[in-house]
């Protein structure tokens, strides 16, 4: 049984429910936000691209090459 609290007292046993937010920040501000989150006890999760997403980005950027045969492929890799 918990003791009754006076109006001026606060109950420190209440659980906080974490909330998720998503921010888009400039890369130059990442260090500041990271330091702030460490001091506040927050966690930061950077989304990582999957291999498929990286491949699709390469196709959109035009970074796709075709080789006629194995020798042509090796020549492109050496270049």
C-alpha atoms as a PDB file:
ATOM      1  CA  UNK A   1       0.000   0.000   0.000  1.00  0.00           C
ATOM      2  CA  UNK A   2       1.388   3.360  -1.025  1.00  0.00           C
ATOM      3  CA  UNK A   3       1.363   6.217   1.447  1.00  0.00           C
ATOM      4  CA  UNK A   4      -0.937   9.129   0.706  1.00  0.00           C
ATOM      5  CA  UNK A   5       0.839  12.025  -0.935  1.00  0.00           C
ATOM      6  CA  UNK A   6       0.431  15.633  -0.035  1.00  0.00           C
ATOM      7  CA  UNK A   7      -0.442  18.033  -2.839  1.00  0.00           C
ATOM      8  CA  UNK A   8       3.093  19.468  -2.943  1.00  0.00           C
ATOM      9  CA  UNK A   9       4.686  16.009  -3.286  1.00  0.00           C
ATOM     10  CA  UNK A  10       4.937  14.136  -6.544  1.00  0.00           C
ATOM     11  CA  UNK A  11       4.748  10.425  -7.053  1.00  0.00           C
ATOM     12  CA  UNK A  12       8.109   9.389  -8.547  1.00  0.00           C
ATOM     13  CA  UNK A  13       6.929   5.824  -9.066  1.00  0.00           C
ATOM     14  CA  UNK A  14       4.795   6.600 -12.100  1.00  0.00           C
ATOM     15  CA  UNK A  15       5.938   4.906 -15.267  1.00  0.00           C
ATOM     16  CA  UNK A  16       6.641   6.976 -18.330  1.00  0.00           C
ATOM     17  CA  UNK A  17       5.603   5.673 -21.707  1.00  0.00           C
ATOM     18  CA  UNK A  18       8.288   6.270 -24.314  1.00  0.00           C
ATOM     19  CA  UNK A  19       7.172   8.033 -27.449  1.00  0.00           C
ATOM     20  CA  UNK A  20       8.832   7.745 -30.816  1.00  0.00           C
ATOM     21  CA  UNK A  21       9.475  10.734 -33.023  1.00  0.00           C
ATOM     22  CA  UNK A  22      11.249  10.980 -36.346  1.00  0.00           C
ATOM     23  CA  UNK A  23      13.401  14.000 -37.115  1.00  0.00           C
ATOM     24  CA  UNK A  24      15.174  15.024 -40.258  1.00  0.00           C
ATOM     25  CA  UNK A  25      18.167  17.129 -39.295  1.00  0.00           C
ATOM     26  CA  UNK A  26      21.164  18.467 -41.198  1.00  0.00           C
ATOM     27  CA  UNK A  27      24.217  16.226 -40.931  1.00  0.00           C
ATOM     28  CA  UNK A  28      26.123  19.065 -39.246  1.00  0.00           C
ATOM     29  CA  UNK A  29      23.671  19.052 -36.323  1.00  0.00           C
ATOM     30  CA  UNK A  30      23.888  15.309 -35.693  1.00  0.00           C
ATOM     31  CA  UNK A  31      26.716  15.648 -33.167  1.00  0.00           C
ATOM     32  CA  UNK A  32      24.725  18.212 -31.165  1.00  0.00           C
ATOM     33  CA  UNK A  33      21.570  16.073 -31.146  1.00  0.00           C
ATOM     34  CA  UNK A  34      23.611  12.992 -30.240  1.00  0.00           C
ATOM     35  CA  UNK A  35      25.228  14.774 -27.278  1.00  0.00           C
ATOM     36  CA  UNK A  36      21.865  16.139 -26.157  1.00  0.00           C
ATOM     37  CA  UNK A  37      20.266  12.702 -26.346  1.00  0.00           C
ATOM     38  CA  UNK A  38      23.049  11.152 -24.266  1.00  0.00           C
ATOM     39  CA  UNK A  39      22.637  13.793 -21.559  1.00  0.00           C
ATOM     40  CA  UNK A  40      18.861  13.375 -21.524  1.00  0.00           C
ATOM     41  CA  UNK A  41      18.982   9.566 -21.565  1.00  0.00           C
ATOM     42  CA  UNK A  42      17.320   9.281 -24.948  1.00  0.00           C
ATOM     43  CA  UNK A  43      18.186   6.730 -27.616  1.00  0.00           C
ATOM     44  CA  UNK A  44      18.819   7.459 -31.278  1.00  0.00           C
ATOM     45  CA  UNK A  45      18.223   4.928 -34.031  1.00  0.00           C
ATOM     46  CA  UNK A  46      19.449   5.835 -37.470  1.00  0.00           C
ATOM     47  CA  UNK A  47      17.531   4.045 -40.204  1.00  0.00           C
ATOM     48  CA  UNK A  48      19.735   1.888 -42.365  1.00  0.00           C
ATOM     49  CA  UNK A  49      19.089   1.139 -45.994  1.00  0.00           C
ATOM     50  CA  UNK A  50      18.680  -2.467 -46.993  1.00  0.00           C
ATOM     51  CA  UNK A  51      20.771  -3.948 -49.772  1.00  0.00           C
ATOM     52  CA  UNK A  52      17.751  -3.836 -52.063  1.00  0.00           C
ATOM     53  CA  UNK A  53      17.182  -0.148 -51.338  1.00  0.00           C
ATOM     54  CA  UNK A  54      20.854   0.603 -52.057  1.00  0.00           C
ATOM     55  CA  UNK A  55      20.606  -1.295 -55.343  1.00  0.00           C
ATOM     56  CA  UNK A  56      17.483   0.631 -56.346  1.00  0.00           C
ATOM     57  CA  UNK A  57      19.236   3.905 -55.527  1.00  0.00           C
ATOM     58  CA  UNK A  58      22.142   2.837 -57.778  1.00  0.00           C
ATOM     59  CA  UNK A  59      19.742   2.117 -60.637  1.00  0.00           C
ATOM     60  CA  UNK A  60      18.076   5.520 -60.212  1.00  0.00           C
ATOM     61  CA  UNK A  61      21.491   7.223 -60.187  1.00  0.00           C
ATOM     62  CA  UNK A  62      22.576   5.356 -63.320  1.00  0.00           C
ATOM     63  CA  UNK A  63      25.350   3.386 -61.619  1.00  0.00           C
ATOM     64  CA  UNK A  64      24.534   0.191 -63.507  1.00  0.00           C
ATOM     65  CA  UNK A  65      26.969  -1.307 -65.984  1.00  0.00           C
ATOM     66  CA  UNK A  66      26.706  -4.271 -68.327  1.00  0.00           C
ATOM     67  CA  UNK A  67      29.550  -6.562 -69.298  1.00  0.00           C
ATOM     68  CA  UNK A  68      29.768  -8.618 -72.485  1.00  0.00           C
ATOM     69  CA  UNK A  69      31.743 -11.410 -70.847  1.00  0.00           C
ATOM     70  CA  UNK A  70      33.919 -12.170 -67.812  1.00  0.00           C
ATOM     71  CA  UNK A  71      36.965 -10.449 -69.299  1.00  0.00           C
ATOM     72  CA  UNK A  72      34.956  -7.287 -69.922  1.00  0.00           C
ATOM     73  CA  UNK A  73      33.628  -7.421 -66.352  1.00  0.00           C
ATOM     74  CA  UNK A  74      37.132  -7.747 -64.898  1.00  0.00           C
ATOM     75  CA  UNK A  75      38.340  -4.890 -67.102  1.00  0.00           C
ATOM     76  CA  UNK A  76      35.515  -2.676 -65.756  1.00  0.00           C
ATOM     77  CA  UNK A  77      36.373  -3.613 -62.168  1.00  0.00           C
ATOM     78  CA  UNK A  78      40.075  -2.792 -62.665  1.00  0.00           C
ATOM     79  CA  UNK A  79      39.312   0.601 -64.216  1.00  0.00           C
END
